[in-house]
Amino acid sequence: SSSSDPGYRNDLKHMAVCIQGLANRQA
């Protein structure tokens, strides 16, 4: 939330939630 680059924030969060969705399919 304190990052000065909104694009980087978007990209890291999007990456993180995609992996979260894939990993949580199994358990």
PDB file of all heavy atoms in Angstrom:
ATOM      1  N   SER A   1       0.817  -1.208   0.000  1.00  0.00           N
ATOM      2  CA  SER A   1       0.000   0.000   0.000  1.00  0.00           C
ATOM      3  C   SER A   1       0.849   1.257   0.000  1.00  0.00           C
ATOM      4  O   SER A   1       0.395   2.332  -0.399  1.00  0.00           O
ATOM      5  CB  SER A   1      -0.929   0.008   1.212  1.00  0.00           C
ATOM      6  OG  SER A   1      -0.175   0.008   2.416  1.00  0.00           O
ATOM      7  N   SER A   2       2.111   1.139   0.433  1.00  0.00           N
ATOM      8  CA  SER A   2       2.997   2.299   0.454  1.00  0.00           C
ATOM      9  C   SER A   2       3.906   2.367  -0.773  1.00  0.00           C
ATOM     10  O   SER A   2       4.725   3.270  -0.895  1.00  0.00           O
ATOM     11  CB  SER A   2       3.866   2.269   1.720  1.00  0.00           C
ATOM     12  OG  SER A   2       4.671   1.100   1.749  1.00  0.00           O
ATOM     13  N   SER A   3       3.750   1.424  -1.696  1.00  0.00           N
ATOM     14  CA  SER A   3       4.569   1.429  -2.897  1.00  0.00           C
ATOM     15  C   SER A   3       4.195   2.613  -3.783  1.00  0.00           C
ATOM     16  O   SER A   3       3.025   2.941  -3.956  1.00  0.00           O
ATOM     17  CB  SER A   3       4.374   0.118  -3.669  1.00  0.00           C
ATOM     18  OG  SER A   3       4.998   0.192  -4.937  1.00  0.00           O
ATOM     19  N   SER A   4       5.199   3.262  -4.352  1.00  0.00           N
ATOM     20  CA  SER A   4       4.955   4.438  -5.187  1.00  0.00           C
ATOM     21  C   SER A   4       4.558   4.075  -6.613  1.00  0.00           C
ATOM     22  O   SER A   4       4.145   4.937  -7.380  1.00  0.00           O
ATOM     23  CB  SER A   4       6.212   5.323  -5.223  1.00  0.00           C
ATOM     24  OG  SER A   4       7.309   4.588  -5.762  1.00  0.00           O
ATOM     25  N   ASP A   5       4.673   2.814  -6.963  1.00  0.00           N
ATOM     26  CA  ASP A   5       4.387   2.381  -8.331  1.00  0.00           C
ATOM     27  C   ASP A   5       3.091   1.566  -8.343  1.00  0.00           C
ATOM     28  O   ASP A   5       3.092   0.392  -7.976  1.00  0.00           O
ATOM     29  CB  ASP A   5       5.540   1.534  -8.862  1.00  0.00           C
ATOM     30  CG  ASP A   5       5.350   1.131 -10.323  1.00  0.00           C
ATOM     31  OD1 ASP A   5       4.246   1.347 -10.867  1.00  0.00           O
ATOM     32  OD2 ASP A   5       6.295   0.586 -10.914  1.00  0.00           O
ATOM     33  N   PRO A   6       1.976   2.169  -8.770  1.00  0.00           N
ATOM     34  CA  PRO A   6       0.709   1.424  -8.771  1.00  0.00           C
ATOM     35  C   PRO A   6       0.723   0.243  -9.736  1.00  0.00           C
ATOM     36  O   PRO A   6       0.034  -0.750  -9.512  1.00  0.00           O
ATOM     37  CB  PRO A   6      -0.320   2.480  -9.188  1.00  0.00           C
ATOM     38  CG  PRO A   6       0.461   3.517  -9.911  1.00  0.00           C
ATOM     39  CD  PRO A   6       1.809   3.548  -9.263  1.00  0.00           C
ATOM     40  N   GLY A   7       1.493   0.340 -10.803  1.00  0.00           N
ATOM     41  CA  GLY A   7       1.590  -0.773 -11.739  1.00  0.00           C
ATOM     42  C   GLY A   7       2.229  -1.989 -11.102  1.00  0.00           C
ATOM     43  O   GLY A   7       1.764  -3.115 -11.285  1.00  0.00           O
ATOM     44  N   TYR A   8       3.292  -1.763 -10.347  1.00  0.00           N
ATOM     45  CA  TYR A   8       3.956  -2.872  -9.661  1.00  0.00           C
ATOM     46  C   TYR A   8       3.021  -3.496  -8.629  1.00  0.00           C
ATOM     47  O   TYR A   8       2.969  -4.716  -8.479  1.00  0.00           O
ATOM     48  CB  TYR A   8       5.240  -2.389  -8.996  1.00  0.00           C
ATOM     49  CG  TYR A   8       6.010  -3.489  -8.304  1.00  0.00           C
ATOM     50  CD1 TYR A   8       6.873  -4.314  -9.029  1.00  0.00           C
ATOM     51  CD2 TYR A   8       5.866  -3.726  -6.935  1.00  0.00           C
ATOM     52  CE1 TYR A   8       7.579  -5.338  -8.407  1.00  0.00           C
ATOM     53  CE2 TYR A   8       6.561  -4.744  -6.310  1.00  0.00           C
ATOM     54  CZ  TYR A   8       7.417  -5.548  -7.049  1.00  0.00           C
ATOM     55  OH  TYR A   8       8.107  -6.571  -6.439  1.00  0.00           O
ATOM     56  N   ARG A   9       2.283  -2.660  -7.903  1.00  0.00           N
ATOM     57  CA  ARG A   9       1.316  -3.181  -6.930  1.00  0.00           C
ATOM     58  C   ARG A   9       0.302  -4.084  -7.619  1.00  0.00           C
ATOM     59  O   ARG A   9      -0.014  -5.174  -7.143  1.00  0.00           O
ATOM     60  CB  ARG A   9       0.582  -2.030  -6.235  1.00  0.00           C
ATOM     61  CG  ARG A   9       1.422  -1.204  -5.310  1.00  0.00           C
ATOM     62  CD  ARG A   9       0.571  -0.450  -4.294  1.00  0.00           C
ATOM     63  NE  ARG A   9      -0.427   0.411  -4.909  1.00  0.00           N
ATOM     64  CZ  ARG A   9      -0.261   1.696  -5.151  1.00  0.00           C
ATOM     65  NH1 ARG A   9       0.899   2.270  -4.876  1.00  0.00           N
ATOM     66  NH2 ARG A   9      -1.232   2.424  -5.671  1.00  0.00           N
ATOM     67  N   ASN A  10      -0.233  -3.608  -8.741  1.00  0.00           N
ATOM     68  CA  ASN A  10      -1.204  -4.395  -9.508  1.00  0.00           C
ATOM     69  C   ASN A  10      -0.615  -5.732  -9.917  1.00  0.00           C
ATOM     70  O   ASN A  10      -1.236  -6.791  -9.744  1.00  0.00           O
ATOM     71  CB  ASN A  10      -1.639  -3.612 -10.742  1.00  0.00           C
ATOM     72  CG  ASN A  10      -2.565  -4.394 -11.652  1.00  0.00           C
ATOM     73  OD1 ASN A  10      -3.773  -4.376 -11.498  1.00  0.00           O
ATOM     74  ND2 ASN A  10      -2.006  -5.099 -12.624  1.00  0.00           N
ATOM     75  N   ASP A  11       0.593  -5.689 -10.462  1.00  0.00           N
ATOM     76  CA  ASP A  11       1.191  -6.897 -11.027  1.00  0.00           C
ATOM     77  C   ASP A  11       1.525  -7.931  -9.959  1.00  0.00           C
ATOM     78  O   ASP A  11       1.294  -9.137 -10.148  1.00  0.00           O
ATOM     79  CB  ASP A  11       2.446  -6.526 -11.820  1.00  0.00           C
ATOM     80  CG  ASP A  11       2.144  -5.618 -12.999  1.00  0.00           C
ATOM     81  OD1 ASP A  11       0.963  -5.511 -13.372  1.00  0.00           O
ATOM     82  OD2 ASP A  11       3.085  -5.004 -13.536  1.00  0.00           O
ATOM     83  N   LEU A  12       2.071  -7.473  -8.834  1.00  0.00           N
ATOM     84  CA  LEU A  12       2.419  -8.423  -7.783  1.00  0.00           C
ATOM     85  C   LEU A  12       1.172  -9.044  -7.171  1.00  0.00           C
ATOM     86  O   LEU A  12       1.115 -10.257  -6.924  1.00  0.00           O
ATOM     87  CB  LEU A  12       3.257  -7.734  -6.703  1.00  0.00           C
ATOM     88  CG  LEU A  12       3.745  -8.651  -5.575  1.00  0.00           C
ATOM     89  CD1 LEU A  12       4.621  -9.770  -6.132  1.00  0.00           C
ATOM     90  CD2 LEU A  12       4.515  -7.866  -4.519  1.00  0.00           C
ATOM     91  N   LYS A  13       0.153  -8.212  -6.934  1.00  0.00           N
ATOM     92  CA  LYS A  13      -1.087  -8.742  -6.365  1.00  0.00           C
ATOM     93  C   LYS A  13      -1.761  -9.720  -7.315  1.00  0.00           C
ATOM     94  O   LYS A  13      -2.258 -10.772  -6.886  1.00  0.00           O
ATOM     95  CB  LYS A  13      -2.034  -7.594  -6.029  1.00  0.00           C
ATOM     96  CG  LYS A  13      -1.598  -6.748  -4.845  1.00  0.00           C
ATOM     97  CD  LYS A  13      -2.582  -5.613  -4.612  1.00  0.00           C
ATOM     98  CE  LYS A  13      -2.161  -4.740  -3.444  1.00  0.00           C
ATOM     99  NZ  LYS A  13      -3.092  -3.611  -3.228  1.00  0.00           N
ATOM    100  N   HIS A  14      -1.785  -9.376  -8.602  1.00  0.00           N
ATOM    101  CA  HIS A  14      -2.436 -10.257  -9.570  1.00  0.00           C
ATOM    102  C   HIS A  14      -1.707 -11.598  -9.648  1.00  0.00           C
ATOM    103  O   HIS A  14      -2.324 -12.662  -9.684  1.00  0.00           O
ATOM    104  CB  HIS A  14      -2.473  -9.581 -10.940  1.00  0.00           C
ATOM    105  CG  HIS A  14      -3.523 -10.122 -11.846  1.00  0.00           C
ATOM    106  ND1 HIS A  14      -3.732  -9.648 -13.122  1.00  0.00           N
ATOM    107  CD2 HIS A  14      -4.446 -11.103 -11.679  1.00  0.00           C
ATOM    108  CE1 HIS A  14      -4.730 -10.302 -13.691  1.00  0.00           C
ATOM    109  NE2 HIS A  14      -5.171 -11.199 -12.831  1.00  0.00           N
ATOM    110  N   MET A  15      -0.387 -11.546  -9.673  1.00  0.00           N
ATOM    111  CA  MET A  15       0.397 -12.773  -9.659  1.00  0.00           C
ATOM    112  C   MET A  15       0.099 -13.596  -8.418  1.00  0.00           C
ATOM    113  O   MET A  15      -0.121 -14.808  -8.480  1.00  0.00           O
ATOM    114  CB  MET A  15       1.888 -12.410  -9.722  1.00  0.00           C
ATOM    115  CG  MET A  15       2.856 -13.588  -9.679  1.00  0.00           C
ATOM    116  SD  MET A  15       3.225 -14.232  -8.022  1.00  0.00           S
ATOM    117  CE  MET A  15       3.898 -12.777  -7.225  1.00  0.00           C
ATOM    118  N   ALA A  16       0.057 -12.907  -7.274  1.00  0.00           N
ATOM    119  CA  ALA A  16      -0.141 -13.619  -6.006  1.00  0.00           C
ATOM    120  C   ALA A  16      -1.497 -14.300  -5.936  1.00  0.00           C
ATOM    121  O   ALA A  16      -1.601 -15.447  -5.482  1.00  0.00           O
ATOM    122  CB  ALA A  16       0.021 -12.642  -4.835  1.00  0.00           C
ATOM    123  N   VAL A  17      -2.553 -13.620  -6.391  1.00  0.00           N
ATOM    124  CA  VAL A  17      -3.886 -14.227  -6.290  1.00  0.00           C
ATOM    125  C   VAL A  17      -4.066 -15.350  -7.305  1.00  0.00           C
ATOM    126  O   VAL A  17      -4.811 -16.303  -7.049  1.00  0.00           O
ATOM    127  CB  VAL A  17      -5.010 -13.173  -6.425  1.00  0.00           C
ATOM    128  CG1 VAL A  17      -4.942 -12.171  -5.297  1.00  0.00           C
ATOM    129  CG2 VAL A  17      -4.991 -12.475  -7.776  1.00  0.00           C
ATOM    130  N   CYS A  18      -3.405 -15.251  -8.464  1.00  0.00           N
ATOM    131  CA  CYS A  18      -3.485 -16.363  -9.430  1.00  0.00           C
ATOM    132  C   CYS A  18      -2.882 -17.634  -8.835  1.00  0.00           C
ATOM    133  O   CYS A  18      -3.487 -18.712  -8.899  1.00  0.00           O
ATOM    134  CB  CYS A  18      -2.764 -15.998 -10.726  1.00  0.00           C
ATOM    135  SG  CYS A  18      -3.656 -14.864 -11.814  1.00  0.00           S
ATOM    136  N   ILE A  19      -1.713 -17.506  -8.234  1.00  0.00           N
ATOM    137  CA  ILE A  19      -1.087 -18.678  -7.612  1.00  0.00           C
ATOM    138  C   ILE A  19      -1.909 -19.157  -6.429  1.00  0.00           C
ATOM    139  O   ILE A  19      -2.044 -20.368  -6.196  1.00  0.00           O
ATOM    140  CB  ILE A  19       0.358 -18.342  -7.186  1.00  0.00           C
ATOM    141  CG1 ILE A  19       1.222 -18.102  -8.435  1.00  0.00           C
ATOM    142  CG2 ILE A  19       0.947 -19.452  -6.328  1.00  0.00           C
ATOM    143  CD1 ILE A  19       2.657 -17.753  -8.133  1.00  0.00           C
ATOM    144  N   GLN A  20      -2.481 -18.231  -5.667  1.00  0.00           N
ATOM    145  CA  GLN A  20      -3.340 -18.606  -4.549  1.00  0.00           C
ATOM    146  C   GLN A  20      -4.496 -19.473  -5.022  1.00  0.00           C
ATOM    147  O   GLN A  20      -4.809 -20.505  -4.404  1.00  0.00           O
ATOM    148  CB  GLN A  20      -3.870 -17.352  -3.859  1.00  0.00           C
ATOM    149  CG  GLN A  20      -4.754 -17.626  -2.644  1.00  0.00           C
ATOM    150  CD  GLN A  20      -5.343 -16.354  -2.064  1.00  0.00           C
ATOM    151  OE1 GLN A  20      -5.590 -15.384  -2.780  1.00  0.00           O
ATOM    152  NE2 GLN A  20      -5.569 -16.343  -0.762  1.00  0.00           N
ATOM    153  N   GLY A  21      -5.142 -19.080  -6.106  1.00  0.00           N
ATOM    154  CA  GLY A  21      -6.261 -19.861  -6.638  1.00  0.00           C
ATOM    155  C   GLY A  21      -5.841 -21.241  -7.080  1.00  0.00           C
ATOM    156  O   GLY A  21      -6.558 -22.230  -6.840  1.00  0.00           O
ATOM    157  N   LEU A  22      -4.675 -21.346  -7.716  1.00  0.00           N
ATOM    158  CA  LEU A  22      -4.190 -22.650  -8.185  1.00  0.00           C
ATOM    159  C   LEU A  22      -3.796 -23.551  -7.007  1.00  0.00           C
ATOM    160  O   LEU A  22      -4.153 -24.732  -6.972  1.00  0.00           O
ATOM    161  CB  LEU A  22      -2.984 -22.455  -9.108  1.00  0.00           C
ATOM    162  CG  LEU A  22      -3.229 -21.686 -10.417  1.00  0.00           C
ATOM    163  CD1 LEU A  22      -1.918 -21.490 -11.167  1.00  0.00           C
ATOM    164  CD2 LEU A  22      -4.238 -22.412 -11.299  1.00  0.00           C
ATOM    165  N   ALA A  23      -3.081 -22.989  -6.048  1.00  0.00           N
ATOM    166  CA  ALA A  23      -2.592 -23.801  -4.916  1.00  0.00           C
ATOM    167  C   ALA A  23      -3.727 -24.273  -4.024  1.00  0.00           C
ATOM    168  O   ALA A  23      -3.692 -25.390  -3.495  1.00  0.00           O
ATOM    169  CB  ALA A  23      -1.584 -22.988  -4.109  1.00  0.00           C
ATOM    170  N   ASN A  24      -4.754 -23.451  -3.884  1.00  0.00           N
ATOM    171  CA  ASN A  24      -5.831 -23.793  -2.960  1.00  0.00           C
ATOM    172  C   ASN A  24      -6.862 -24.756  -3.555  1.00  0.00           C
ATOM    173  O   ASN A  24      -7.804 -25.149  -2.863  1.00  0.00           O
ATOM    174  CB  ASN A  24      -6.528 -22.526  -2.476  1.00  0.00           C
ATOM    175  CG  ASN A  24      -5.694 -21.756  -1.468  1.00  0.00           C
ATOM    176  OD1 ASN A  24      -4.681 -22.261  -0.993  1.00  0.00           O
ATOM    177  ND2 ASN A  24      -6.102 -20.545  -1.149  1.00  0.00           N
ATOM    178  N   ARG A  25      -6.692 -25.143  -4.793  1.00  0.00           N
ATOM    179  CA  ARG A  25      -7.597 -26.144  -5.368  1.00  0.00           C
ATOM    180  C   ARG A  25      -7.443 -27.489  -4.672  1.00  0.00           C
ATOM    181  O   ARG A  25      -8.405 -28.228  -4.496  1.00  0.00           O
ATOM    182  CB  ARG A  25      -7.300 -26.326  -6.865  1.00  0.00           C
ATOM    183  CG  ARG A  25      -7.894 -25.266  -7.760  1.00  0.00           C
ATOM    184  CD  ARG A  25      -7.549 -25.557  -9.197  1.00  0.00           C
ATOM    185  NE  ARG A  25      -8.019 -24.497 -10.082  1.00  0.00           N
ATOM    186  CZ  ARG A  25      -7.603 -24.323 -11.318  1.00  0.00           C
ATOM    187  NH1 ARG A  25      -6.674 -25.151 -11.807  1.00  0.00           N
ATOM    188  NH2 ARG A  25      -8.079 -23.353 -12.063  1.00  0.00           N
ATOM    189  N   GLN A  26      -6.239 -27.834  -4.304  1.00  0.00           N
ATOM    190  CA  GLN A  26      -5.980 -29.134  -3.702  1.00  0.00           C
ATOM    191  C   GLN A  26      -6.367 -29.168  -2.235  1.00  0.00           C
ATOM    192  O   GLN A  26      -6.891 -30.156  -1.738  1.00  0.00           O
ATOM    193  CB  GLN A  26      -4.486 -29.478  -3.846  1.00  0.00           C
ATOM    194  CG  GLN A  26      -3.958 -29.361  -5.269  1.00  0.00           C
ATOM    195  CD  GLN A  26      -4.698 -30.237  -6.245  1.00  0.00           C
ATOM    196  OE1 GLN A  26      -5.019 -31.378  -5.939  1.00  0.00           O
ATOM    197  NE2 GLN A  26      -4.976 -29.711  -7.435  1.00  0.00           N
ATOM    198  N   ALA A  27      -6.100 -28.082  -1.547  1.00  0.00           N
ATOM    199  CA  ALA A  27      -6.403 -27.964  -0.113  1.00  0.00           C
ATOM    200  C   ALA A  27      -6.203 -26.508   0.269  1.00  0.00           C
ATOM    201  O   ALA A  27      -5.491 -25.787  -0.419  1.00  0.00           O
ATOM    202  CB  ALA A  27      -5.480 -28.869   0.710  1.00  0.00           C
TER     203      ALA A  27
END
